[in-house]
Amino acid sequence: MDPERDALRIALYYAIFSLLWILSSDHILYLIAKPPLLVQLSIIKGSLFILLTSLFLFAVLRLYLRSLSDKEKSLRISERKFRSLFMELPVGVVLMDADGKIL
């Protein structure tokens, strides 16, 4: 798992889908209303919005995926320590419940 690559991939999917949506919806508006300047400004405004929100989405996803990755690494280290401690003990270990029953 590469958090930065995964976050970038998701943000790019979002950017492509959103840009296609804006371009197609503005093209339909152009066919219906015929105000060329309004459509061009709408495309620029929409594209800028998509680019800014894509950058924001990338940053948020990268932070989230990094924290998951860090937690996963920490869990692996903890598990390795527990396994090595348990396997290297020179004495036997028994797990029992509150009634003294061996689990």
PDB file of N, CA and C in Angstrom:
ATOM      1  N   MET A   1       0.850  -1.184   0.000  1.00  0.00           N
ATOM      2  CA  MET A   1       0.000   0.000   0.000  1.00  0.00           C
ATOM      3  C   MET A   1       0.893   1.244   0.000  1.00  0.00           C
ATOM      4  N   ASP A   2       0.710   2.055  -1.018  1.00  0.00           N
ATOM      5  CA  ASP A   2       1.435   3.315  -1.103  1.00  0.00           C
ATOM      6  C   ASP A   2       0.417   4.447  -0.959  1.00  0.00           C
ATOM      7  N   PRO A   3       0.341   5.072   0.224  1.00  0.00           N
ATOM      8  CA  PRO A   3      -0.694   6.069   0.484  1.00  0.00           C
ATOM      9  C   PRO A   3      -0.706   7.232  -0.506  1.00  0.00           C
ATOM     10  N   GLU A   4       0.461   7.717  -0.865  1.00  0.00           N
ATOM     11  CA  GLU A   4       0.495   8.866  -1.780  1.00  0.00           C
ATOM     12  C   GLU A   4      -0.004   8.479  -3.166  1.00  0.00           C
ATOM     13  N   ARG A   5       0.403   7.324  -3.658  1.00  0.00           N
ATOM     14  CA  ARG A   5      -0.043   6.882  -4.980  1.00  0.00           C
ATOM     15  C   ARG A   5      -1.546   6.612  -4.985  1.00  0.00           C
ATOM     16  N   ASP A   6      -2.057   5.968  -3.930  1.00  0.00           N
ATOM     17  CA  ASP A   6      -3.487   5.684  -3.850  1.00  0.00           C
ATOM     18  C   ASP A   6      -4.303   6.970  -3.761  1.00  0.00           C
ATOM     19  N   ALA A   7      -3.844   7.915  -2.956  1.00  0.00           N
ATOM     20  CA  ALA A   7      -4.550   9.191  -2.823  1.00  0.00           C
ATOM     21  C   ALA A   7      -4.531   9.958  -4.142  1.00  0.00           C
ATOM     22  N   LEU A   8      -3.389   9.943  -4.826  1.00  0.00           N
ATOM     23  CA  LEU A   8      -3.285  10.634  -6.113  1.00  0.00           C
ATOM     24  C   LEU A   8      -4.199   9.983  -7.145  1.00  0.00           C
ATOM     25  N   ARG A   9      -4.256   8.670  -7.161  1.00  0.00           N
ATOM     26  CA  ARG A   9      -5.113   7.955  -8.110  1.00  0.00           C
ATOM     27  C   ARG A   9      -6.580   8.312  -7.887  1.00  0.00           C
ATOM     28  N   ILE A  10      -7.026   8.324  -6.645  1.00  0.00           N
ATOM     29  CA  ILE A  10      -8.416   8.664  -6.337  1.00  0.00           C
ATOM     30  C   ILE A  10      -8.712  10.109  -6.712  1.00  0.00           C
ATOM     31  N   ALA A  11      -7.791  11.005  -6.400  1.00  0.00           N
ATOM     32  CA  ALA A  11      -7.988  12.415  -6.745  1.00  0.00           C
ATOM     33  C   ALA A  11      -8.023  12.609  -8.261  1.00  0.00           C
ATOM     34  N   LEU A  12      -7.202  11.875  -9.006  1.00  0.00           N
ATOM     35  CA  LEU A  12      -7.221  11.983 -10.464  1.00  0.00           C
ATOM     36  C   LEU A  12      -8.526  11.447 -11.058  1.00  0.00           C
ATOM     37  N   TYR A  13      -9.024  10.337 -10.524  1.00  0.00           N
ATOM     38  CA  TYR A  13     -10.325   9.826 -10.976  1.00  0.00           C
ATOM     39  C   TYR A  13     -11.406  10.877 -10.754  1.00  0.00           C
ATOM     40  N   TYR A  14     -11.383  11.481  -9.586  1.00  0.00           N
ATOM     41  CA  TYR A  14     -12.358  12.524  -9.268  1.00  0.00           C
ATOM     42  C   TYR A  14     -12.227  13.701 -10.233  1.00  0.00           C
ATOM     43  N   ALA A  15     -11.001  14.131 -10.499  1.00  0.00           N
ATOM     44  CA  ALA A  15     -10.770  15.273 -11.382  1.00  0.00           C
ATOM     45  C   ALA A  15     -11.250  14.969 -12.804  1.00  0.00           C
ATOM     46  N   ILE A  16     -10.927  13.799 -13.316  1.00  0.00           N
ATOM     47  CA  ILE A  16     -11.328  13.439 -14.681  1.00  0.00           C
ATOM     48  C   ILE A  16     -12.846  13.360 -14.794  1.00  0.00           C
ATOM     49  N   PHE A  17     -13.477  12.656 -13.858  1.00  0.00           N
ATOM     50  CA  PHE A  17     -14.937  12.542 -13.890  1.00  0.00           C
ATOM     51  C   PHE A  17     -15.597  13.910 -13.801  1.00  0.00           C
ATOM     52  N   SER A  18     -15.120  14.736 -12.900  1.00  0.00           N
ATOM     53  CA  SER A  18     -15.727  16.051 -12.693  1.00  0.00           C
ATOM     54  C   SER A  18     -15.527  16.964 -13.903  1.00  0.00           C
ATOM     55  N   LEU A  19     -14.325  16.943 -14.474  1.00  0.00           N
ATOM     56  CA  LEU A  19     -14.080  17.759 -15.661  1.00  0.00           C
ATOM     57  C   LEU A  19     -14.955  17.313 -16.828  1.00  0.00           C
ATOM     58  N   LEU A  20     -15.101  16.003 -17.008  1.00  0.00           N
ATOM     59  CA  LEU A  20     -15.982  15.505 -18.069  1.00  0.00           C
ATOM     60  C   LEU A  20     -17.427  15.940 -17.831  1.00  0.00           C
ATOM     61  N   TRP A  21     -17.852  15.894 -16.588  1.00  0.00           N
ATOM     62  CA  TRP A  21     -19.206  16.317 -16.251  1.00  0.00           C
ATOM     63  C   TRP A  21     -19.414  17.795 -16.580  1.00  0.00           C
ATOM     64  N   ILE A  22     -18.477  18.622 -16.157  1.00  0.00           N
ATOM     65  CA  ILE A  22     -18.605  20.060 -16.391  1.00  0.00           C
ATOM     66  C   ILE A  22     -18.586  20.369 -17.887  1.00  0.00           C
ATOM     67  N   LEU A  23     -17.651  19.757 -18.611  1.00  0.00           N
ATOM     68  CA  LEU A  23     -17.565  20.030 -20.048  1.00  0.00           C
ATOM     69  C   LEU A  23     -18.830  19.590 -20.778  1.00  0.00           C
ATOM     70  N   SER A  24     -19.338  18.414 -20.442  1.00  0.00           N
ATOM     71  CA  SER A  24     -20.539  17.937 -21.137  1.00  0.00           C
ATOM     72  C   SER A  24     -21.772  18.734 -20.740  1.00  0.00           C
ATOM     73  N   SER A  25     -21.916  19.050 -19.461  1.00  0.00           N
ATOM     74  CA  SER A  25     -23.103  19.809 -19.044  1.00  0.00           C
ATOM     75  C   SER A  25     -23.064  21.233 -19.588  1.00  0.00           C
ATOM     76  N   ASP A  26     -21.881  21.838 -19.640  1.00  0.00           N
ATOM     77  CA  ASP A  26     -21.775  23.184 -20.210  1.00  0.00           C
ATOM     78  C   ASP A  26     -21.989  23.170 -21.723  1.00  0.00           C
ATOM     79  N   HIS A  27     -21.587  22.087 -22.376  1.00  0.00           N
ATOM     80  CA  HIS A  27     -21.829  21.968 -23.806  1.00  0.00           C
ATOM     81  C   HIS A  27     -23.334  21.876 -24.085  1.00  0.00           C
ATOM     82  N   ILE A  28     -24.028  21.131 -23.264  1.00  0.00           N
ATOM     83  CA  ILE A  28     -25.495  21.043 -23.405  1.00  0.00           C
ATOM     84  C   ILE A  28     -26.115  22.416 -23.178  1.00  0.00           C
ATOM     85  N   LEU A  29     -25.613  23.137 -22.181  1.00  0.00           N
ATOM     86  CA  LEU A  29     -26.098  24.495 -21.930  1.00  0.00           C
ATOM     87  C   LEU A  29     -25.849  25.390 -23.140  1.00  0.00           C
ATOM     88  N   TYR A  30     -24.699  25.242 -23.743  1.00  0.00           N
ATOM     89  CA  TYR A  30     -24.358  26.040 -24.924  1.00  0.00           C
ATOM     90  C   TYR A  30     -25.322  25.736 -26.074  1.00  0.00           C
ATOM     91  N   LEU A  31     -25.673  24.464 -26.259  1.00  0.00           N
ATOM     92  CA  LEU A  31     -26.596  24.101 -27.333  1.00  0.00           C
ATOM     93  C   LEU A  31     -27.988  24.674 -27.098  1.00  0.00           C
ATOM     94  N   ILE A  32     -28.366  24.769 -25.831  1.00  0.00           N
ATOM     95  CA  ILE A  32     -29.701  25.263 -25.501  1.00  0.00           C
ATOM     96  C   ILE A  32     -29.732  26.783 -25.458  1.00  0.00           C
ATOM     97  N   ALA A  33     -28.796  27.416 -24.769  1.00  0.00           N
ATOM     98  CA  ALA A  33     -28.873  28.852 -24.501  1.00  0.00           C
ATOM     99  C   ALA A  33     -28.072  29.720 -25.457  1.00  0.00           C
ATOM    100  N   LYS A  34     -27.015  29.201 -26.044  1.00  0.00           N
ATOM    101  CA  LYS A  34     -26.154  29.928 -26.985  1.00  0.00           C
ATOM    102  C   LYS A  34     -25.487  31.196 -26.438  1.00  0.00           C
ATOM    103  N   PRO A  35     -25.129  31.280 -25.191  1.00  0.00           N
ATOM    104  CA  PRO A  35     -24.347  32.444 -24.736  1.00  0.00           C
ATOM    105  C   PRO A  35     -22.872  32.044 -24.632  1.00  0.00           C
ATOM    106  N   PRO A  36     -22.083  32.221 -25.691  1.00  0.00           N
ATOM    107  CA  PRO A  36     -20.706  31.700 -25.711  1.00  0.00           C
ATOM    108  C   PRO A  36     -19.824  32.190 -24.572  1.00  0.00           C
ATOM    109  N   LEU A  37     -19.880  33.454 -24.242  1.00  0.00           N
ATOM    110  CA  LEU A  37     -19.021  33.958 -23.178  1.00  0.00           C
ATOM    111  C   LEU A  37     -19.405  33.362 -21.831  1.00  0.00           C
ATOM    112  N   LEU A  38     -20.678  33.262 -21.563  1.00  0.00           N
ATOM    113  CA  LEU A  38     -21.154  32.687 -20.299  1.00  0.00           C
ATOM    114  C   LEU A  38     -20.694  31.242 -20.166  1.00  0.00           C
ATOM    115  N   VAL A  39     -20.764  30.503 -21.252  1.00  0.00           N
ATOM    116  CA  VAL A  39     -20.350  29.100 -21.223  1.00  0.00           C
ATOM    117  C   VAL A  39     -18.846  28.996 -20.980  1.00  0.00           C
ATOM    118  N   GLN A  40     -18.060  29.821 -21.649  1.00  0.00           N
ATOM    119  CA  GLN A  40     -16.613  29.777 -21.453  1.00  0.00           C
ATOM    120  C   GLN A  40     -16.231  30.116 -20.018  1.00  0.00           C
ATOM    121  N   LEU A  41     -16.872  31.134 -19.460  1.00  0.00           N
ATOM    122  CA  LEU A  41     -16.595  31.490 -18.062  1.00  0.00           C
ATOM    123  C   LEU A  41     -17.033  30.379 -17.111  1.00  0.00           C
ATOM    124  N   SER A  42     -18.141  29.752 -17.434  1.00  0.00           N
ATOM    125  CA  SER A  42     -18.637  28.655 -16.606  1.00  0.00           C
ATOM    126  C   SER A  42     -17.661  27.472 -16.640  1.00  0.00           C
ATOM    127  N   ILE A  43     -17.101  27.192 -17.801  1.00  0.00           N
ATOM    128  CA  ILE A  43     -16.133  26.099 -17.928  1.00  0.00           C
ATOM    129  C   ILE A  43     -14.870  26.416 -17.122  1.00  0.00           C
ATOM    130  N   ILE A  44     -14.387  27.638 -17.230  1.00  0.00           N
ATOM    131  CA  ILE A  44     -13.188  28.037 -16.478  1.00  0.00           C
ATOM    132  C   ILE A  44     -13.453  27.958 -14.979  1.00  0.00           C
ATOM    133  N   LYS A  45     -14.589  28.494 -14.560  1.00  0.00           N
ATOM    134  CA  LYS A  45     -14.938  28.481 -13.141  1.00  0.00           C
ATOM    135  C   LYS A  45     -15.085  27.045 -12.627  1.00  0.00           C
ATOM    136  N   GLY A  46     -15.778  26.232 -13.373  1.00  0.00           N
ATOM    137  CA  GLY A  46     -15.967  24.835 -12.961  1.00  0.00           C
ATOM    138  C   GLY A  46     -14.667  24.062 -12.930  1.00  0.00           C
ATOM    139  N   SER A  47     -13.818  24.288 -13.925  1.00  0.00           N
ATOM    140  CA  SER A  47     -12.534  23.590 -13.977  1.00  0.00           C
ATOM    141  C   SER A  47     -11.638  23.994 -12.815  1.00  0.00           C
ATOM    142  N   LEU A  48     -11.619  25.261 -12.485  1.00  0.00           N
ATOM    143  CA  LEU A  48     -10.838  25.731 -11.345  1.00  0.00           C
ATOM    144  C   LEU A  48     -11.349  25.106 -10.045  1.00  0.00           C
ATOM    145  N   PHE A  49     -12.659  25.044  -9.920  1.00  0.00           N
ATOM    146  CA  PHE A  49     -13.254  24.408  -8.738  1.00  0.00           C
ATOM    147  C   PHE A  49     -12.824  22.953  -8.635  1.00  0.00           C
ATOM    148  N   ILE A  50     -12.881  22.230  -9.743  1.00  0.00           N
ATOM    149  CA  ILE A  50     -12.508  20.817  -9.738  1.00  0.00           C
ATOM    150  C   ILE A  50     -11.038  20.648  -9.381  1.00  0.00           C
ATOM    151  N   LEU A  51     -10.182  21.471  -9.950  1.00  0.00           N
ATOM    152  CA  LEU A  51      -8.755  21.358  -9.643  1.00  0.00           C
ATOM    153  C   LEU A  51      -8.478  21.631  -8.168  1.00  0.00           C
ATOM    154  N   LEU A  52      -9.107  22.658  -7.616  1.00  0.00           N
ATOM    155  CA  LEU A  52      -8.888  22.976  -6.202  1.00  0.00           C
ATOM    156  C   LEU A  52      -9.433  21.887  -5.284  1.00  0.00           C
ATOM    157  N   THR A  53     -10.623  21.392  -5.584  1.00  0.00           N
ATOM    158  CA  THR A  53     -11.181  20.336  -4.731  1.00  0.00           C
ATOM    159  C   THR A  53     -10.417  19.025  -4.898  1.00  0.00           C
ATOM    160  N   SER A  54      -9.854  18.787  -6.087  1.00  0.00           N
ATOM    161  CA  SER A  54      -9.025  17.588  -6.278  1.00  0.00           C
ATOM    162  C   SER A  54      -7.763  17.660  -5.427  1.00  0.00           C
ATOM    163  N   LEU A  55      -7.151  18.824  -5.376  1.00  0.00           N
ATOM    164  CA  LEU A  55      -5.970  18.984  -4.523  1.00  0.00           C
ATOM    165  C   LEU A  55      -6.323  18.786  -3.051  1.00  0.00           C
ATOM    166  N   PHE A  56      -7.452  19.326  -2.648  1.00  0.00           N
ATOM    167  CA  PHE A  56      -7.911  19.153  -1.274  1.00  0.00           C
ATOM    168  C   PHE A  56      -8.185  17.676  -0.989  1.00  0.00           C
ATOM    169  N   LEU A  57      -8.864  17.008  -1.902  1.00  0.00           N
ATOM    170  CA  LEU A  57      -9.172  15.592  -1.740  1.00  0.00           C
ATOM    171  C   LEU A  57      -7.890  14.768  -1.658  1.00  0.00           C
ATOM    172  N   PHE A  58      -6.914  15.085  -2.498  1.00  0.00           N
ATOM    173  CA  PHE A  58      -5.626  14.387  -2.466  1.00  0.00           C
ATOM    174  C   PHE A  58      -4.961  14.538  -1.101  1.00  0.00           C
ATOM    175  N   ALA A  59      -4.942  15.756  -0.582  1.00  0.00           N
ATOM    176  CA  ALA A  59      -4.296  16.009   0.711  1.00  0.00           C
ATOM    177  C   ALA A  59      -4.993  15.245   1.835  1.00  0.00           C
ATOM    178  N   VAL A  60      -6.305  15.281   1.846  1.00  0.00           N
ATOM    179  CA  VAL A  60      -7.059  14.597   2.903  1.00  0.00           C
ATOM    180  C   VAL A  60      -6.864  13.086   2.812  1.00  0.00           C
ATOM    181  N   LEU A  61      -6.977  12.539   1.605  1.00  0.00           N
ATOM    182  CA  LEU A  61      -6.811  11.097   1.445  1.00  0.00           C
ATOM    183  C   LEU A  61      -5.397  10.648   1.780  1.00  0.00           C
ATOM    184  N   ARG A  62      -4.405  11.453   1.409  1.00  0.00           N
ATOM    185  CA  ARG A  62      -3.019  11.099   1.717  1.00  0.00           C
ATOM    186  C   ARG A  62      -2.800  11.040   3.227  1.00  0.00           C
ATOM    187  N   LEU A  63      -3.325  12.034   3.945  1.00  0.00           N
ATOM    188  CA  LEU A  63      -3.190  12.014   5.401  1.00  0.00           C
ATOM    189  C   LEU A  63      -3.885  10.804   6.007  1.00  0.00           C
ATOM    190  N   TYR A  64      -5.084  10.520   5.528  1.00  0.00           N
ATOM    191  CA  TYR A  64      -5.852   9.395   6.056  1.00  0.00           C
ATOM    192  C   TYR A  64      -5.144   8.069   5.765  1.00  0.00           C
ATOM    193  N   LEU A  65      -4.715   7.882   4.523  1.00  0.00           N
ATOM    194  CA  LEU A  65      -4.066   6.625   4.162  1.00  0.00           C
ATOM    195  C   LEU A  65      -2.703   6.476   4.833  1.00  0.00           C
ATOM    196  N   ARG A  66      -2.009   7.584   5.039  1.00  0.00           N
ATOM    197  CA  ARG A  66      -0.738   7.523   5.778  1.00  0.00           C
ATOM    198  C   ARG A  66      -0.967   7.072   7.213  1.00  0.00           C
ATOM    199  N   SER A  67      -2.018   7.601   7.847  1.00  0.00           N
ATOM    200  CA  SER A  67      -2.281   7.206   9.231  1.00  0.00           C
ATOM    201  C   SER A  67      -2.642   5.727   9.293  1.00  0.00           C
ATOM    202  N   LEU A  68      -3.393   5.245   8.302  1.00  0.00           N
ATOM    203  CA  LEU A  68      -3.703   3.807   8.264  1.00  0.00           C
ATOM    204  C   LEU A  68      -2.437   2.986   8.071  1.00  0.00           C
ATOM    205  N   SER A  69      -1.578   3.449   7.192  1.00  0.00           N
ATOM    206  CA  SER A  69      -0.328   2.744   6.934  1.00  0.00           C
ATOM    207  C   SER A  69       0.557   2.731   8.179  1.00  0.00           C
ATOM    208  N   ASP A  70       0.632   3.853   8.878  1.00  0.00           N
ATOM    209  CA  ASP A  70       1.422   3.922  10.112  1.00  0.00           C
ATOM    210  C   ASP A  70       0.867   2.986  11.172  1.00  0.00           C
ATOM    211  N   LYS A  71      -0.456   2.940  11.282  1.00  0.00           N
ATOM    212  CA  LYS A  71      -1.079   2.040  12.261  1.00  0.00           C
ATOM    213  C   LYS A  71      -0.807   0.587  11.901  1.00  0.00           C
ATOM    214  N   GLU A  72      -0.851   0.281  10.614  1.00  0.00           N
ATOM    215  CA  GLU A  72      -0.578  -1.086  10.172  1.00  0.00           C
ATOM    216  C   GLU A  72       0.863  -1.474  10.477  1.00  0.00           C
ATOM    217  N   LYS A  73       1.801  -0.579  10.232  1.00  0.00           N
ATOM    218  CA  LYS A  73       3.213  -0.852  10.540  1.00  0.00           C
ATOM    219  C   LYS A  73       3.402  -1.072  12.033  1.00  0.00           C
ATOM    220  N   SER A  74       2.757  -0.222  12.835  1.00  0.00           N
ATOM    221  CA  SER A  74       2.864  -0.340  14.290  1.00  0.00           C
ATOM    222  C   SER A  74       2.297  -1.679  14.757  1.00  0.00           C
ATOM    223  N   LEU A  75       1.201  -2.077  14.172  1.00  0.00           N
ATOM    224  CA  LEU A  75       0.596  -3.362  14.538  1.00  0.00           C
ATOM    225  C   LEU A  75       1.508  -4.531  14.166  1.00  0.00           C
ATOM    226  N   ARG A  76       2.128  -4.464  13.002  1.00  0.00           N
ATOM    227  CA  ARG A  76       3.055  -5.526  12.591  1.00  0.00           C
ATOM    228  C   ARG A  76       4.252  -5.620  13.536  1.00  0.00           C
ATOM    229  N   ILE A  77       4.806  -4.475  13.921  1.00  0.00           N
ATOM    230  CA  ILE A  77       5.944  -4.463  14.843  1.00  0.00           C
ATOM    231  C   ILE A  77       5.539  -5.057  16.183  1.00  0.00           C
ATOM    232  N   SER A  78       4.370  -4.665  16.669  1.00  0.00           N
ATOM    233  CA  SER A  78       3.875  -5.176  17.945  1.00  0.00           C
ATOM    234  C   SER A  78       3.655  -6.688  17.870  1.00  0.00           C
ATOM    235  N   GLU A  79       3.100  -7.142  16.763  1.00  0.00           N
ATOM    236  CA  GLU A  79       2.865  -8.580  16.615  1.00  0.00           C
ATOM    237  C   GLU A  79       4.182  -9.340  16.568  1.00  0.00           C
ATOM    238  N   ARG A  80       5.181  -8.817  15.855  1.00  0.00           N
ATOM    239  CA  ARG A  80       6.496  -9.459  15.798  1.00  0.00           C
ATOM    240  C   ARG A  80       7.126  -9.560  17.189  1.00  0.00           C
ATOM    241  N   LYS A  81       7.024  -8.476  17.961  1.00  0.00           N
ATOM    242  CA  LYS A  81       7.589  -8.485  19.317  1.00  0.00           C
ATOM    243  C   LYS A  81       6.893  -9.529  20.179  1.00  0.00           C
ATOM    244  N   PHE A  82       5.563  -9.583  20.086  1.00  0.00           N
ATOM    245  CA  PHE A  82       4.809 -10.550  20.875  1.00  0.00           C
ATOM    246  C   PHE A  82       5.170 -11.975  20.471  1.00  0.00           C
ATOM    247  N   ARG A  83       5.213 -12.229  19.168  1.00  0.00           N
ATOM    248  CA  ARG A  83       5.549 -13.574  18.692  1.00  0.00           C
ATOM    249  C   ARG A  83       6.957 -13.990  19.138  1.00  0.00           C
ATOM    250  N   SER A  84       7.916 -13.088  18.981  1.00  0.00           N
ATOM    251  CA  SER A  84       9.287 -13.454  19.366  1.00  0.00           C
ATOM    252  C   SER A  84       9.379 -13.661  20.875  1.00  0.00           C
ATOM    253  N   LEU A  85       8.699 -12.830  21.650  1.00  0.00           N
ATOM    254  CA  LEU A  85       8.706 -13.008  23.103  1.00  0.00           C
ATOM    255  C   LEU A  85       8.067 -14.337  23.479  1.00  0.00           C
ATOM    256  N   PHE A  86       6.936 -14.627  22.904  1.00  0.00           N
ATOM    257  CA  PHE A  86       6.214 -15.855  23.226  1.00  0.00           C
ATOM    258  C   PHE A  86       6.993 -17.089  22.789  1.00  0.00           C
ATOM    259  N   MET A  87       7.593 -17.040  21.612  1.00  0.00           N
ATOM    260  CA  MET A  87       8.308 -18.215  21.087  1.00  0.00           C
ATOM    261  C   MET A  87       9.658 -18.422  21.773  1.00  0.00           C
ATOM    262  N   GLU A  88      10.263 -17.361  22.297  1.00  0.00           N
ATOM    263  CA  GLU A  88      11.593 -17.460  22.887  1.00  0.00           C
ATOM    264  C   GLU A  88      11.565 -17.682  24.399  1.00  0.00           C
ATOM    265  N   LEU A  89      10.379 -17.706  25.000  1.00  0.00           N
ATOM    266  CA  LEU A  89      10.314 -17.905  26.452  1.00  0.00           C
ATOM    267  C   LEU A  89      10.879 -19.270  26.830  1.00  0.00           C
ATOM    268  N   PRO A  90      11.708 -19.321  27.879  1.00  0.00           N
ATOM    269  CA  PRO A  90      12.298 -20.599  28.284  1.00  0.00           C
ATOM    270  C   PRO A  90      11.338 -21.438  29.136  1.00  0.00           C
ATOM    271  N   VAL A  91      10.147 -20.910  29.414  1.00  0.00           N
ATOM    272  CA  VAL A  91       9.175 -21.645  30.227  1.00  0.00           C
ATOM    273  C   VAL A  91       7.878 -21.778  29.447  1.00  0.00           C
ATOM    274  N   GLY A  92       7.040 -22.701  29.898  1.00  0.00           N
ATOM    275  CA  GLY A  92       5.754 -22.896  29.245  1.00  0.00           C
ATOM    276  C   GLY A  92       4.768 -21.809  29.646  1.00  0.00           C
ATOM    277  N   VAL A  93       3.840 -21.525  28.769  1.00  0.00           N
ATOM    278  CA  VAL A  93       2.822 -20.508  29.032  1.00  0.00           C
ATOM    279  C   VAL A  93       1.464 -21.147  28.819  1.00  0.00           C
ATOM    280  N   VAL A  94       0.561 -20.921  29.772  1.00  0.00           N
ATOM    281  CA  VAL A  94      -0.791 -21.468  29.673  1.00  0.00           C
ATOM    282  C   VAL A  94      -1.771 -20.319  29.825  1.00  0.00           C
ATOM    283  N   LEU A  95      -2.769 -20.320  28.983  1.00  0.00           N
ATOM    284  CA  LEU A  95      -3.824 -19.309  29.059  1.00  0.00           C
ATOM    285  C   LEU A  95      -5.048 -19.932  29.686  1.00  0.00           C
ATOM    286  N   MET A  96      -5.526 -19.297  30.796  1.00  0.00           N
ATOM    287  CA  MET A  96      -6.668 -19.849  31.515  1.00  0.00           C
ATOM    288  C   MET A  96      -7.727 -18.762  31.698  1.00  0.00           C
ATOM    289  N   ASP A  97      -8.987 -19.203  31.823  1.00  0.00           N
ATOM    290  CA  ASP A  97     -10.061 -18.255  32.088  1.00  0.00           C
ATOM    291  C   ASP A  97     -10.179 -18.046  33.586  1.00  0.00           C
ATOM    292  N   ALA A  98     -11.198 -17.281  34.032  1.00  0.00           N
ATOM    293  CA  ALA A  98     -11.358 -16.935  35.449  1.00  0.00           C
ATOM    294  C   ALA A  98     -11.641 -18.159  36.328  1.00  0.00           C
ATOM    295  N   ASP A  99     -12.212 -19.233  35.752  1.00  0.00           N
ATOM    296  CA  ASP A  99     -12.514 -20.446  36.515  1.00  0.00           C
ATOM    297  C   ASP A  99     -11.343 -21.411  36.562  1.00  0.00           C
ATOM    298  N   GLY A 100     -10.233 -21.071  35.967  1.00  0.00           N
ATOM    299  CA  GLY A 100      -9.061 -21.937  35.957  1.00  0.00           C
ATOM    300  C   GLY A 100      -9.073 -22.944  34.837  1.00  0.00           C
ATOM    301  N   LYS A 101      -9.980 -22.778  33.905  1.00  0.00           N
ATOM    302  CA  LYS A 101     -10.071 -23.674  32.759  1.00  0.00           C
ATOM    303  C   LYS A 101      -9.033 -23.276  31.724  1.00  0.00           C
ATOM    304  N   ILE A 102      -8.294 -24.276  31.238  1.00  0.00           N
ATOM    305  CA  ILE A 102      -7.258 -23.984  30.240  1.00  0.00           C
ATOM    306  C   ILE A 102      -7.923 -23.702  28.901  1.00  0.00           C
ATOM    307  N   LEU A 103      -7.546 -22.557  28.350  1.00  0.00           N
ATOM    308  CA  LEU A 103      -8.110 -22.168  27.062  1.00  0.00           C
ATOM    309  C   LEU A 103      -7.223 -22.647  25.943  1.00  0.00           C
TER     310      LEU A 103
END
